[in-house]
């Protein structure tokens, strides 16, 4: 009988975690996008230097 309330509490807590996860994923996506842009710029600069 004690396990049922624990499961109910976990189920009630899950939507909160679900609401907190999207901002973290969006921030992670922004960081990944910025890192990708920096890597692209670095590769382009290296290619220009090697060609010169």
PDB file of N, CA and C in Angstrom:
ATOM      1  N   UNK A   1       0.837  -1.211   0.000  1.00  0.00           N
ATOM      2  CA  UNK A   1       0.000   0.000   0.000  1.00  0.00           C
ATOM      3  C   UNK A   1       0.874   1.263   0.000  1.00  0.00           C
ATOM      4  N   UNK A   2       2.082   1.166   0.506  1.00  0.00           N
ATOM      5  CA  UNK A   2       2.938   2.351   0.567  1.00  0.00           C
ATOM      6  C   UNK A   2       3.553   2.680  -0.787  1.00  0.00           C
ATOM      7  N   UNK A   3       3.667   1.675  -1.662  1.00  0.00           N
ATOM      8  CA  UNK A   3       4.293   1.915  -2.960  1.00  0.00           C
ATOM      9  C   UNK A   3       3.378   2.725  -3.869  1.00  0.00           C
ATOM     10  N   UNK A   4       2.073   2.600  -3.713  1.00  0.00           N
ATOM     11  CA  UNK A   4       1.134   3.286  -4.611  1.00  0.00           C
ATOM     12  C   UNK A   4       1.261   4.809  -4.498  1.00  0.00           C
ATOM     13  N   UNK A   5       1.281   5.377  -3.290  1.00  0.00           N
ATOM     14  CA  UNK A   5       1.444   6.844  -3.211  1.00  0.00           C
ATOM     15  C   UNK A   5       2.764   7.311  -3.813  1.00  0.00           C
ATOM     16  N   UNK A   6       3.842   6.534  -3.652  1.00  0.00           N
ATOM     17  CA  UNK A   6       5.131   6.924  -4.219  1.00  0.00           C
ATOM     18  C   UNK A   6       5.034   7.005  -5.735  1.00  0.00           C
ATOM     19  N   UNK A   7       4.363   6.010  -6.344  1.00  0.00           N
ATOM     20  CA  UNK A   7       4.194   6.016  -7.799  1.00  0.00           C
ATOM     21  C   UNK A   7       3.359   7.224  -8.216  1.00  0.00           C
ATOM     22  N   UNK A   8       2.328   7.532  -7.428  1.00  0.00           N
ATOM     23  CA  UNK A   8       1.472   8.674  -7.746  1.00  0.00           C
ATOM     24  C   UNK A   8       2.281   9.972  -7.659  1.00  0.00           C
ATOM     25  N   UNK A   9       3.144  10.081  -6.663  1.00  0.00           N
ATOM     26  CA  UNK A   9       3.979  11.278  -6.511  1.00  0.00           C
ATOM     27  C   UNK A   9       4.929  11.391  -7.687  1.00  0.00           C
ATOM     28  N   UNK A  10       5.541  10.266  -8.097  1.00  0.00           N
ATOM     29  CA  UNK A  10       6.448  10.290  -9.240  1.00  0.00           C
ATOM     30  C   UNK A  10       5.696  10.696 -10.500  1.00  0.00           C
ATOM     31  N   UNK A  11       4.482  10.168 -10.677  1.00  0.00           N
ATOM     32  CA  UNK A  11       3.689  10.497 -11.858  1.00  0.00           C
ATOM     33  C   UNK A  11       3.321  11.982 -11.837  1.00  0.00           C
ATOM     34  N   UNK A  12       3.055  12.526 -10.653  1.00  0.00           N
ATOM     35  CA  UNK A  12       2.699  13.940 -10.543  1.00  0.00           C
ATOM     36  C   UNK A  12       3.924  14.816 -10.789  1.00  0.00           C
ATOM     37  N   UNK A  13       5.114  14.303 -10.469  1.00  0.00           N
ATOM     38  CA  UNK A  13       6.336  15.089 -10.639  1.00  0.00           C
ATOM     39  C   UNK A  13       6.816  15.064 -12.087  1.00  0.00           C
ATOM     40  N   UNK A  14       6.456  14.047 -12.848  1.00  0.00           N
ATOM     41  CA  UNK A  14       6.942  13.914 -14.219  1.00  0.00           C
ATOM     42  C   UNK A  14       6.590  15.111 -15.095  1.00  0.00           C
ATOM     43  N   UNK A  15       5.347  15.616 -15.075  1.00  0.00           N
ATOM     44  CA  UNK A  15       5.030  16.778 -15.924  1.00  0.00           C
ATOM     45  C   UNK A  15       5.921  17.980 -15.608  1.00  0.00           C
ATOM     46  N   UNK A  16       6.335  18.118 -14.353  1.00  0.00           N
ATOM     47  CA  UNK A  16       7.216  19.237 -14.007  1.00  0.00           C
ATOM     48  C   UNK A  16       8.560  19.076 -14.709  1.00  0.00           C
ATOM     49  N   UNK A  17       9.087  17.856 -14.676  1.00  0.00           N
ATOM     50  CA  UNK A  17      10.354  17.602 -15.375  1.00  0.00           C
ATOM     51  C   UNK A  17      10.159  17.807 -16.869  1.00  0.00           C
ATOM     52  N   UNK A  18       9.003  17.385 -17.377  1.00  0.00           N
ATOM     53  CA  UNK A  18       8.723  17.552 -18.801  1.00  0.00           C
ATOM     54  C   UNK A  18       8.690  19.024 -19.182  1.00  0.00           C
ATOM     55  N   UNK A  19       8.202  19.879 -18.281  1.00  0.00           N
ATOM     56  CA  UNK A  19       8.117  21.305 -18.591  1.00  0.00           C
ATOM     57  C   UNK A  19       9.497  21.962 -18.479  1.00  0.00           C
ATOM     58  N   UNK A  20      10.372  21.380 -17.643  1.00  0.00           N
ATOM     59  CA  UNK A  20      11.708  21.966 -17.475  1.00  0.00           C
ATOM     60  C   UNK A  20      12.658  21.527 -18.579  1.00  0.00           C
ATOM     61  N   UNK A  21      12.407  20.373 -19.187  1.00  0.00           N
ATOM     62  CA  UNK A  21      13.342  19.829 -20.183  1.00  0.00           C
ATOM     63  C   UNK A  21      13.407  20.675 -21.462  1.00  0.00           C
ATOM     64  N   UNK A  22      12.280  21.147 -22.042  1.00  0.00           N
ATOM     65  CA  UNK A  22      12.375  21.885 -23.315  1.00  0.00           C
ATOM     66  C   UNK A  22      13.304  23.097 -23.267  1.00  0.00           C
ATOM     67  N   UNK A  23      13.283  23.942 -22.218  1.00  0.00           N
ATOM     68  CA  UNK A  23      14.224  25.067 -22.206  1.00  0.00           C
ATOM     69  C   UNK A  23      15.676  24.592 -22.256  1.00  0.00           C
ATOM     70  N   UNK A  24      15.981  23.506 -21.534  1.00  0.00           N
ATOM     71  CA  UNK A  24      17.353  23.004 -21.525  1.00  0.00           C
ATOM     72  C   UNK A  24      17.737  22.515 -22.911  1.00  0.00           C
ATOM     73  N   UNK A  25      16.820  21.825 -23.586  1.00  0.00           N
ATOM     74  CA  UNK A  25      17.145  21.306 -24.914  1.00  0.00           C
ATOM     75  C   UNK A  25      17.307  22.464 -25.891  1.00  0.00           C
ATOM     76  N   UNK A  26      16.498  23.524 -25.743  1.00  0.00           N
ATOM     77  CA  UNK A  26      16.614  24.656 -26.662  1.00  0.00           C
ATOM     78  C   UNK A  26      17.945  25.374 -26.437  1.00  0.00           C
ATOM     79  N   UNK A  27      18.346  25.507 -25.185  1.00  0.00           N
ATOM     80  CA  UNK A  27      19.637  26.130 -24.888  1.00  0.00           C
ATOM     81  C   UNK A  27      20.758  25.262 -25.438  1.00  0.00           C
ATOM     82  N   UNK A  28      20.631  23.946 -25.276  1.00  0.00           N
ATOM     83  CA  UNK A  28      21.649  23.034 -25.802  1.00  0.00           C
ATOM     84  C   UNK A  28      21.726  23.150 -27.316  1.00  0.00           C
ATOM     85  N   UNK A  29      20.559  23.289 -27.958  1.00  0.00           N
ATOM     86  CA  UNK A  29      20.551  23.427 -29.416  1.00  0.00           C
ATOM     87  C   UNK A  29      21.214  24.736 -29.826  1.00  0.00           C
ATOM     88  N   UNK A  30      20.982  25.805 -29.074  1.00  0.00           N
ATOM     89  CA  UNK A  30      21.600  27.094 -29.397  1.00  0.00           C
ATOM     90  C   UNK A  30      23.110  26.999 -29.238  1.00  0.00           C
ATOM     91  N   UNK A  31      23.565  26.337 -28.182  1.00  0.00           N
ATOM     92  CA  UNK A  31      25.006  26.190 -27.956  1.00  0.00           C
ATOM     93  C   UNK A  31      25.611  25.359 -29.070  1.00  0.00           C
ATOM     94  N   UNK A  32      24.917  24.271 -29.458  1.00  0.00           N
ATOM     95  CA  UNK A  32      25.429  23.430 -30.539  1.00  0.00           C
ATOM     96  C   UNK A  32      25.476  24.216 -31.840  1.00  0.00           C
ATOM     97  N   UNK A  33      24.474  25.048 -32.085  1.00  0.00           N
ATOM     98  CA  UNK A  33      24.453  25.840 -33.319  1.00  0.00           C
ATOM     99  C   UNK A  33      25.611  26.833 -33.320  1.00  0.00           C
ATOM    100  N   UNK A  34      25.852  27.473 -32.171  1.00  0.00           N
ATOM    101  CA  UNK A  34      26.957  28.425 -32.089  1.00  0.00           C
ATOM    102  C   UNK A  34      28.294  27.718 -32.279  1.00  0.00           C
ATOM    103  N   UNK A  35      28.455  26.555 -31.660  1.00  0.00           N
ATOM    104  CA  UNK A  35      29.700  25.803 -31.823  1.00  0.00           C
ATOM    105  C   UNK A  35      29.878  25.381 -33.271  1.00  0.00           C
ATOM    106  N   UNK A  36      28.780  24.979 -33.918  1.00  0.00           N
ATOM    107  CA  UNK A  36      28.859  24.571 -35.325  1.00  0.00           C
ATOM    108  C   UNK A  36      29.293  25.753 -36.191  1.00  0.00           C
ATOM    109  N   UNK A  37      28.733  26.931 -35.926  1.00  0.00           N
ATOM    110  CA  UNK A  37      29.109  28.120 -36.704  1.00  0.00           C
ATOM    111  C   UNK A  37      30.584  28.458 -36.491  1.00  0.00           C
ATOM    112  N   UNK A  38      31.036  28.379 -35.246  1.00  0.00           N
ATOM    113  CA  UNK A  38      32.447  28.674 -34.957  1.00  0.00           C
ATOM    114  C   UNK A  38      33.350  27.675 -35.672  1.00  0.00           C
ATOM    115  N   UNK A  39      32.961  26.392 -35.659  1.00  0.00           N
ATOM    116  CA  UNK A  39      33.770  25.373 -36.335  1.00  0.00           C
ATOM    117  C   UNK A  39      33.807  25.626 -37.829  1.00  0.00           C
ATOM    118  N   UNK A  40      32.655  25.999 -38.407  1.00  0.00           N
ATOM    119  CA  UNK A  40      32.599  26.271 -39.848  1.00  0.00           C
ATOM    120  C   UNK A  40      33.514  27.447 -40.191  1.00  0.00           C
ATOM    121  N   UNK A  41      33.435  28.521 -39.405  1.00  0.00           N
ATOM    122  CA  UNK A  41      34.282  29.691 -39.656  1.00  0.00           C
ATOM    123  C   UNK A  41      35.755  29.311 -39.536  1.00  0.00           C
ATOM    124  N   UNK A  42      36.084  28.512 -38.520  1.00  0.00           N
ATOM    125  CA  UNK A  42      37.476  28.102 -38.326  1.00  0.00           C
ATOM    126  C   UNK A  42      37.959  27.269 -39.504  1.00  0.00           C
ATOM    127  N   UNK A  43      37.113  26.349 -39.988  1.00  0.00           N
ATOM    128  CA  UNK A  43      37.498  25.510 -41.130  1.00  0.00           C
ATOM    129  C   UNK A  43      37.711  26.372 -42.368  1.00  0.00           C
ATOM    130  N   UNK A  44      36.822  27.341 -42.581  1.00  0.00           N
ATOM    131  CA  UNK A  44      36.957  28.225 -43.749  1.00  0.00           C
ATOM    132  C   UNK A  44      38.256  29.022 -43.656  1.00  0.00           C
ATOM    133  N   UNK A  45      38.548  29.557 -42.479  1.00  0.00           N
ATOM    134  CA  UNK A  45      39.786  30.331 -42.312  1.00  0.00           C
ATOM    135  C   UNK A  45      41.011  29.458 -42.556  1.00  0.00           C
ATOM    136  N   UNK A  46      40.998  28.239 -42.038  1.00  0.00           N
ATOM    137  CA  UNK A  46      42.128  27.326 -42.248  1.00  0.00           C
ATOM    138  C   UNK A  46      42.272  27.017 -43.729  1.00  0.00           C
ATOM    139  N   UNK A  47      41.154  26.798 -44.419  1.00  0.00           N
ATOM    140  CA  UNK A  47      41.210  26.498 -45.856  1.00  0.00           C
ATOM    141  C   UNK A  47      41.798  27.681 -46.621  1.00  0.00           C
ATOM    142  N   UNK A  48      41.407  28.898 -46.250  1.00  0.00           N
ATOM    143  CA  UNK A  48      41.933  30.091 -46.933  1.00  0.00           C
ATOM    144  C   UNK A  48      43.435  30.211 -46.699  1.00  0.00           C
ATOM    145  N   UNK A  49      43.865  29.987 -45.464  1.00  0.00           N
ATOM    146  CA  UNK A  49      45.293  30.088 -45.143  1.00  0.00           C
ATOM    147  C   UNK A  49      46.078  29.026 -45.891  1.00  0.00           C
ATOM    148  N   UNK A  50      45.556  27.807 -45.962  1.00  0.00           N
ATOM    149  CA  UNK A  50      46.270  26.724 -46.652  1.00  0.00           C
ATOM    150  C   UNK A  50      46.347  26.999 -48.148  1.00  0.00           C
ATOM    151  N   UNK A  51      45.293  27.591 -48.710  1.00  0.00           N
ATOM    152  CA  UNK A  51      45.303  27.885 -50.142  1.00  0.00           C
ATOM    153  C   UNK A  51      46.266  29.034 -50.437  1.00  0.00           C
ATOM    154  N   UNK A  52      46.357  29.982 -49.511  1.00  0.00           N
ATOM    155  CA  UNK A  52      47.257  31.112 -49.727  1.00  0.00           C
ATOM    156  C   UNK A  52      48.692  30.631 -49.509  1.00  0.00           C
TER     157      UNK A  52
END
